[in-house]
């Protein structure tokens, strides 16, 4: 009897471990009221821990302000709006609204990434894709990137809607790049490690 229970527990643990590695559909529920930093941090952690191949479904019309960039895990992942359009915005000077690291395969459908630039002028790109390292892929369908800020006295250029660097491939269709202090899309050098 003892051996049966041990095998059963091991089987349950093994099945649970395998299930964590499978792609998931992860719903991000709309907020019942104003979002506070802990709620935003929870969403960031949920996205960062998503298994490869997951689809993150935003079921509300607006999320933010995020106080840190949304960093896509270096795997295949999709952002999809369950409503006609979902706005994701940030109010932090610490970085872009969206960061897609080298090696990621990222797609978005119906998502508007915005930087809330009501504060002091800062150097912020709305989305940054690629960099040193692995090949990166991005697909944007009916998405927008707006609010990038360019501080004219800064040493490094910024304020773009979408900054692409390194070995990046993909498609951008039906998408908008508006209200950016720099370029709508800035294509940087092919970065080599």
C-alpha atoms as a PDB file:
ATOM      1  CA  UNK A   1       0.000   0.000   0.000  1.00  0.00           C
ATOM      2  CA  UNK A   2       2.829   2.385   0.850  1.00  0.00           C
ATOM      3  CA  UNK A   3       4.511   1.762  -2.514  1.00  0.00           C
ATOM      4  CA  UNK A   4       1.249   2.384  -4.417  1.00  0.00           C
ATOM      5  CA  UNK A   5       0.797   5.771  -2.731  1.00  0.00           C
ATOM      6  CA  UNK A   6       4.393   6.757  -3.459  1.00  0.00           C
ATOM      7  CA  UNK A   7       4.053   5.865  -7.145  1.00  0.00           C
ATOM      8  CA  UNK A   8       0.772   7.734  -7.338  1.00  0.00           C
ATOM      9  CA  UNK A   9       2.317  10.874  -5.849  1.00  0.00           C
ATOM     10  CA  UNK A  10       5.280  10.628  -8.223  1.00  0.00           C
ATOM     11  CA  UNK A  11       2.904  10.236 -11.186  1.00  0.00           C
ATOM     12  CA  UNK A  12       0.922  13.342 -10.162  1.00  0.00           C
ATOM     13  CA  UNK A  13       4.106  15.379  -9.686  1.00  0.00           C
ATOM     14  CA  UNK A  14       5.450  14.226 -13.056  1.00  0.00           C
ATOM     15  CA  UNK A  15       2.217  15.083 -14.890  1.00  0.00           C
ATOM     16  CA  UNK A  16       2.123  18.507 -13.217  1.00  0.00           C
ATOM     17  CA  UNK A  17       5.743  19.183 -14.218  1.00  0.00           C
ATOM     18  CA  UNK A  18       5.035  18.256 -17.845  1.00  0.00           C
ATOM     19  CA  UNK A  19       1.929  20.465 -17.912  1.00  0.00           C
ATOM     20  CA  UNK A  20       3.993  23.501 -16.917  1.00  0.00           C
ATOM     21  CA  UNK A  21       6.063  23.169 -20.081  1.00  0.00           C
ATOM     22  CA  UNK A  22       3.105  23.191 -22.489  1.00  0.00           C
ATOM     23  CA  UNK A  23       1.843  26.306 -24.255  1.00  0.00           C
ATOM     24  CA  UNK A  24      -1.084  27.999 -22.608  1.00  0.00           C
ATOM     25  CA  UNK A  25      -3.783  30.535 -23.281  1.00  0.00           C
ATOM     26  CA  UNK A  26      -3.404  33.038 -20.456  1.00  0.00           C
ATOM     27  CA  UNK A  27      -6.238  35.532 -19.936  1.00  0.00           C
ATOM     28  CA  UNK A  28      -5.420  38.940 -18.456  1.00  0.00           C
ATOM     29  CA  UNK A  29      -8.681  40.023 -16.885  1.00  0.00           C
ATOM     30  CA  UNK A  30      -9.916  43.619 -17.004  1.00  0.00           C
ATOM     31  CA  UNK A  31      -9.460  45.571 -13.790  1.00  0.00           C
ATOM     32  CA  UNK A  32     -12.432  46.220 -11.529  1.00  0.00           C
ATOM     33  CA  UNK A  33     -11.054  49.659 -10.669  1.00  0.00           C
ATOM     34  CA  UNK A  34      -7.887  51.751 -10.877  1.00  0.00           C
ATOM     35  CA  UNK A  35      -4.825  49.550 -11.237  1.00  0.00           C
ATOM     36  CA  UNK A  36      -2.176  49.833  -8.571  1.00  0.00           C
ATOM     37  CA  UNK A  37       1.520  48.920  -8.959  1.00  0.00           C
ATOM     38  CA  UNK A  38       1.130  45.512  -7.246  1.00  0.00           C
ATOM     39  CA  UNK A  39      -1.523  44.510  -9.798  1.00  0.00           C
ATOM     40  CA  UNK A  40       0.698  45.652 -12.642  1.00  0.00           C
ATOM     41  CA  UNK A  41       3.660  43.758 -11.191  1.00  0.00           C
ATOM     42  CA  UNK A  42       1.487  40.649 -11.065  1.00  0.00           C
ATOM     43  CA  UNK A  43       0.707  40.965 -14.780  1.00  0.00           C
ATOM     44  CA  UNK A  44       4.382  41.486 -15.608  1.00  0.00           C
ATOM     45  CA  UNK A  45       5.333  38.368 -13.636  1.00  0.00           C
ATOM     46  CA  UNK A  46       2.594  36.336 -15.325  1.00  0.00           C
ATOM     47  CA  UNK A  47       3.828  37.317 -18.786  1.00  0.00           C
ATOM     48  CA  UNK A  48       7.489  36.713 -17.881  1.00  0.00           C
ATOM     49  CA  UNK A  49       6.679  33.183 -16.661  1.00  0.00           C
ATOM     50  CA  UNK A  50       4.557  32.210 -19.681  1.00  0.00           C
ATOM     51  CA  UNK A  51       5.661  28.955 -21.339  1.00  0.00           C
ATOM     52  CA  UNK A  52       6.865  28.946 -24.940  1.00  0.00           C
ATOM     53  CA  UNK A  53       4.034  29.168 -27.458  1.00  0.00           C
ATOM     54  CA  UNK A  54       1.625  30.841 -25.033  1.00  0.00           C
ATOM     55  CA  UNK A  55      -1.025  33.324 -26.110  1.00  0.00           C
ATOM     56  CA  UNK A  56      -1.627  36.196 -23.698  1.00  0.00           C
ATOM     57  CA  UNK A  57      -5.211  37.399 -24.154  1.00  0.00           C
ATOM     58  CA  UNK A  58      -5.967  40.889 -22.839  1.00  0.00           C
ATOM     59  CA  UNK A  59      -9.678  40.929 -22.066  1.00  0.00           C
ATOM     60  CA  UNK A  60      -9.931  44.606 -21.151  1.00  0.00           C
ATOM     61  CA  UNK A  61      -9.632  47.851 -23.107  1.00  0.00           C
ATOM     62  CA  UNK A  62      -6.776  49.411 -21.110  1.00  0.00           C
ATOM     63  CA  UNK A  63      -3.939  48.354 -18.814  1.00  0.00           C
ATOM     64  CA  UNK A  64      -1.549  50.703 -17.069  1.00  0.00           C
ATOM     65  CA  UNK A  65       0.388  52.559 -16.114  1.00  0.00           C
ATOM     66  CA  UNK A  66       3.068  49.889 -15.953  1.00  0.00           C
ATOM     67  CA  UNK A  67       5.990  50.979 -13.832  1.00  0.00           C
ATOM     68  CA  UNK A  68       8.492  48.715 -15.627  1.00  0.00           C
ATOM     69  CA  UNK A  69       8.838  47.475 -19.209  1.00  0.00           C
ATOM     70  CA  UNK A  70       6.909  44.406 -20.333  1.00  0.00           C
ATOM     71  CA  UNK A  71       9.740  42.018 -21.182  1.00  0.00           C
ATOM     72  CA  UNK A  72       8.709  39.214 -23.521  1.00  0.00           C
ATOM     73  CA  UNK A  73      10.283  35.879 -22.593  1.00  0.00           C
ATOM     74  CA  UNK A  74      12.824  34.593 -25.126  1.00  0.00           C
ATOM     75  CA  UNK A  75      10.351  32.153 -26.665  1.00  0.00           C
ATOM     76  CA  UNK A  76       7.340  32.117 -28.972  1.00  0.00           C
ATOM     77  CA  UNK A  77       4.599  34.235 -27.428  1.00  0.00           C
ATOM     78  CA  UNK A  78       1.585  36.191 -28.691  1.00  0.00           C
ATOM     79  CA  UNK A  79      -0.367  39.153 -27.351  1.00  0.00           C
ATOM     80  CA  UNK A  80      -3.982  39.275 -28.515  1.00  0.00           C
ATOM     81  CA  UNK A  81      -6.807  41.685 -27.700  1.00  0.00           C
ATOM     82  CA  UNK A  82     -10.108  39.994 -26.874  1.00  0.00           C
ATOM     83  CA  UNK A  83     -11.865  43.307 -27.450  1.00  0.00           C
ATOM     84  CA  UNK A  84     -11.487  45.394 -30.606  1.00  0.00           C
ATOM     85  CA  UNK A  85      -8.350  47.088 -29.293  1.00  0.00           C
ATOM     86  CA  UNK A  86      -6.403  46.977 -26.027  1.00  0.00           C
ATOM     87  CA  UNK A  87      -4.150  49.825 -24.878  1.00  0.00           C
ATOM     88  CA  UNK A  88      -1.087  48.986 -22.789  1.00  0.00           C
ATOM     89  CA  UNK A  89       0.714  52.034 -21.451  1.00  0.00           C
ATOM     90  CA  UNK A  90       3.641  52.974 -19.262  1.00  0.00           C
ATOM     91  CA  UNK A  91       4.623  56.029 -17.284  1.00  0.00           C
ATOM     92  CA  UNK A  92       8.121  55.052 -16.238  1.00  0.00           C
ATOM     93  CA  UNK A  93      11.370  56.640 -17.368  1.00  0.00           C
ATOM     94  CA  UNK A  94      13.145  53.312 -16.827  1.00  0.00           C
ATOM     95  CA  UNK A  95      12.611  51.914 -20.300  1.00  0.00           C
ATOM     96  CA  UNK A  96      10.190  51.136 -23.109  1.00  0.00           C
ATOM     97  CA  UNK A  97       6.653  49.865 -22.746  1.00  0.00           C
ATOM     98  CA  UNK A  98       7.625  46.651 -24.567  1.00  0.00           C
ATOM     99  CA  UNK A  99      11.025  44.929 -24.743  1.00  0.00           C
ATOM    100  CA  UNK A 100      11.498  41.931 -27.056  1.00  0.00           C
ATOM    101  CA  UNK A 101      14.936  40.395 -26.349  1.00  0.00           C
ATOM    102  CA  UNK A 102      17.123  38.576 -28.864  1.00  0.00           C
ATOM    103  CA  UNK A 103      15.861  35.063 -29.554  1.00  0.00           C
ATOM    104  CA  UNK A 104      12.194  35.841 -28.986  1.00  0.00           C
ATOM    105  CA  UNK A 105       9.421  35.165 -31.482  1.00  0.00           C
ATOM    106  CA  UNK A 106       6.752  37.747 -30.672  1.00  0.00           C
ATOM    107  CA  UNK A 107       3.449  38.581 -32.310  1.00  0.00           C
ATOM    108  CA  UNK A 108       0.708  41.041 -31.416  1.00  0.00           C
ATOM    109  CA  UNK A 109      -2.810  41.516 -32.729  1.00  0.00           C
ATOM    110  CA  UNK A 110      -4.992  44.487 -31.778  1.00  0.00           C
ATOM    111  CA  UNK A 111      -2.628  45.889 -29.131  1.00  0.00           C
ATOM    112  CA  UNK A 112      -1.801  49.598 -28.759  1.00  0.00           C
ATOM    113  CA  UNK A 113       1.484  50.217 -26.943  1.00  0.00           C
ATOM    114  CA  UNK A 114       1.657  53.766 -25.587  1.00  0.00           C
ATOM    115  CA  UNK A 115       4.040  55.803 -23.503  1.00  0.00           C
ATOM    116  CA  UNK A 116       2.316  58.361 -21.291  1.00  0.00           C
ATOM    117  CA  UNK A 117       4.508  61.399 -21.888  1.00  0.00           C
ATOM    118  CA  UNK A 118       2.699  63.893 -19.706  1.00  0.00           C
ATOM    119  CA  UNK A 119       5.705  64.118 -17.367  1.00  0.00           C
ATOM    120  CA  UNK A 120       9.171  65.609 -17.915  1.00  0.00           C
ATOM    121  CA  UNK A 121      10.879  64.957 -21.232  1.00  0.00           C
ATOM    122  CA  UNK A 122      12.711  61.635 -21.262  1.00  0.00           C
ATOM    123  CA  UNK A 123      14.435  59.364 -23.747  1.00  0.00           C
ATOM    124  CA  UNK A 124      12.068  56.491 -24.269  1.00  0.00           C
ATOM    125  CA  UNK A 125      11.325  54.224 -27.229  1.00  0.00           C
ATOM    126  CA  UNK A 126       7.853  52.714 -27.068  1.00  0.00           C
ATOM    127  CA  UNK A 127       9.092  49.247 -28.115  1.00  0.00           C
ATOM    128  CA  UNK A 128      12.595  47.843 -28.473  1.00  0.00           C
ATOM    129  CA  UNK A 129      13.144  44.621 -30.444  1.00  0.00           C
ATOM    130  CA  UNK A 130      16.293  42.527 -30.842  1.00  0.00           C
ATOM    131  CA  UNK A 131      19.881  43.383 -30.009  1.00  0.00           C
ATOM    132  CA  UNK A 132      23.071  41.393 -29.553  1.00  0.00           C
ATOM    133  CA  UNK A 133      22.594  37.641 -29.815  1.00  0.00           C
ATOM    134  CA  UNK A 134      20.075  35.329 -31.391  1.00  0.00           C
ATOM    135  CA  UNK A 135      17.768  36.012 -34.325  1.00  0.00           C
ATOM    136  CA  UNK A 136      14.508  37.671 -33.327  1.00  0.00           C
ATOM    137  CA  UNK A 137      11.113  37.664 -35.038  1.00  0.00           C
ATOM    138  CA  UNK A 138       8.252  40.132 -34.654  1.00  0.00           C
ATOM    139  CA  UNK A 139       4.794  40.152 -36.207  1.00  0.00           C
ATOM    140  CA  UNK A 140       2.471  43.124 -35.740  1.00  0.00           C
ATOM    141  CA  UNK A 141      -1.100  43.099 -37.052  1.00  0.00           C
ATOM    142  CA  UNK A 142      -3.403  46.018 -36.238  1.00  0.00           C
ATOM    143  CA  UNK A 143      -1.130  47.275 -33.452  1.00  0.00           C
ATOM    144  CA  UNK A 144       0.133  50.768 -32.715  1.00  0.00           C
ATOM    145  CA  UNK A 145       3.221  52.262 -31.100  1.00  0.00           C
ATOM    146  CA  UNK A 146       2.877  55.845 -29.891  1.00  0.00           C
ATOM    147  CA  UNK A 147       4.286  58.400 -27.469  1.00  0.00           C
ATOM    148  CA  UNK A 148       8.025  57.862 -27.862  1.00  0.00           C
ATOM    149  CA  UNK A 149       9.932  60.825 -26.413  1.00  0.00           C
ATOM    150  CA  UNK A 150      13.135  62.331 -27.752  1.00  0.00           C
ATOM    151  CA  UNK A 151      15.057  64.624 -25.447  1.00  0.00           C
ATOM    152  CA  UNK A 152      17.011  66.834 -27.847  1.00  0.00           C
ATOM    153  CA  UNK A 153      19.990  67.274 -25.512  1.00  0.00           C
ATOM    154  CA  UNK A 154      20.511  63.527 -25.024  1.00  0.00           C
ATOM    155  CA  UNK A 155      23.582  61.782 -26.373  1.00  0.00           C
ATOM    156  CA  UNK A 156      21.742  58.700 -27.645  1.00  0.00           C
ATOM    157  CA  UNK A 157      18.753  58.845 -29.988  1.00  0.00           C
ATOM    158  CA  UNK A 158      15.441  57.661 -28.642  1.00  0.00           C
ATOM    159  CA  UNK A 159      11.791  58.581 -28.838  1.00  0.00           C
ATOM    160  CA  UNK A 160      10.934  56.089 -31.573  1.00  0.00           C
ATOM    161  CA  UNK A 161       7.743  54.119 -31.835  1.00  0.00           C
ATOM    162  CA  UNK A 162       9.610  50.891 -32.594  1.00  0.00           C
ATOM    163  CA  UNK A 163      13.383  50.422 -32.377  1.00  0.00           C
ATOM    164  CA  UNK A 164      14.700  47.346 -34.227  1.00  0.00           C
ATOM    165  CA  UNK A 165      18.316  46.255 -33.725  1.00  0.00           C
ATOM    166  CA  UNK A 166      20.311  43.197 -34.715  1.00  0.00           C
ATOM    167  CA  UNK A 167      19.085  40.179 -36.651  1.00  0.00           C
ATOM    168  CA  UNK A 168      15.317  40.820 -36.752  1.00  0.00           C
ATOM    169  CA  UNK A 169      12.779  39.454 -39.232  1.00  0.00           C
ATOM    170  CA  UNK A 170       9.007  39.623 -39.393  1.00  0.00           C
ATOM    171  CA  UNK A 171       5.976  41.426 -40.763  1.00  0.00           C
ATOM    172  CA  UNK A 172       4.209  44.635 -39.787  1.00  0.00           C
ATOM    173  CA  UNK A 173       0.743  45.132 -41.302  1.00  0.00           C
ATOM    174  CA  UNK A 174      -2.225  47.405 -40.534  1.00  0.00           C
ATOM    175  CA  UNK A 175      -0.163  49.062 -37.776  1.00  0.00           C
ATOM    176  CA  UNK A 176       0.278  52.698 -36.788  1.00  0.00           C
ATOM    177  CA  UNK A 177       3.271  54.688 -35.553  1.00  0.00           C
ATOM    178  CA  UNK A 178       2.066  58.065 -34.295  1.00  0.00           C
ATOM    179  CA  UNK A 179       2.937  60.876 -31.868  1.00  0.00           C
ATOM    180  CA  UNK A 180       6.576  59.865 -31.526  1.00  0.00           C
ATOM    181  CA  UNK A 181       9.327  62.415 -30.935  1.00  0.00           C
ATOM    182  CA  UNK A 182      11.751  60.396 -33.052  1.00  0.00           C
ATOM    183  CA  UNK A 183      10.924  58.020 -35.896  1.00  0.00           C
ATOM    184  CA  UNK A 184       7.938  55.743 -36.245  1.00  0.00           C
ATOM    185  CA  UNK A 185      10.301  52.821 -36.911  1.00  0.00           C
ATOM    186  CA  UNK A 186      14.043  53.133 -36.312  1.00  0.00           C
ATOM    187  CA  UNK A 187      16.168  50.350 -37.774  1.00  0.00           C
ATOM    188  CA  UNK A 188      19.499  50.228 -36.008  1.00  0.00           C
ATOM    189  CA  UNK A 189      22.712  48.532 -37.047  1.00  0.00           C
ATOM    190  CA  UNK A 190      23.039  44.788 -37.384  1.00  0.00           C
ATOM    191  CA  UNK A 191      24.525  44.173 -33.958  1.00  0.00           C
ATOM    192  CA  UNK A 192      27.225  41.496 -33.753  1.00  0.00           C
ATOM    193  CA  UNK A 193      28.488  40.092 -30.450  1.00  0.00           C
END
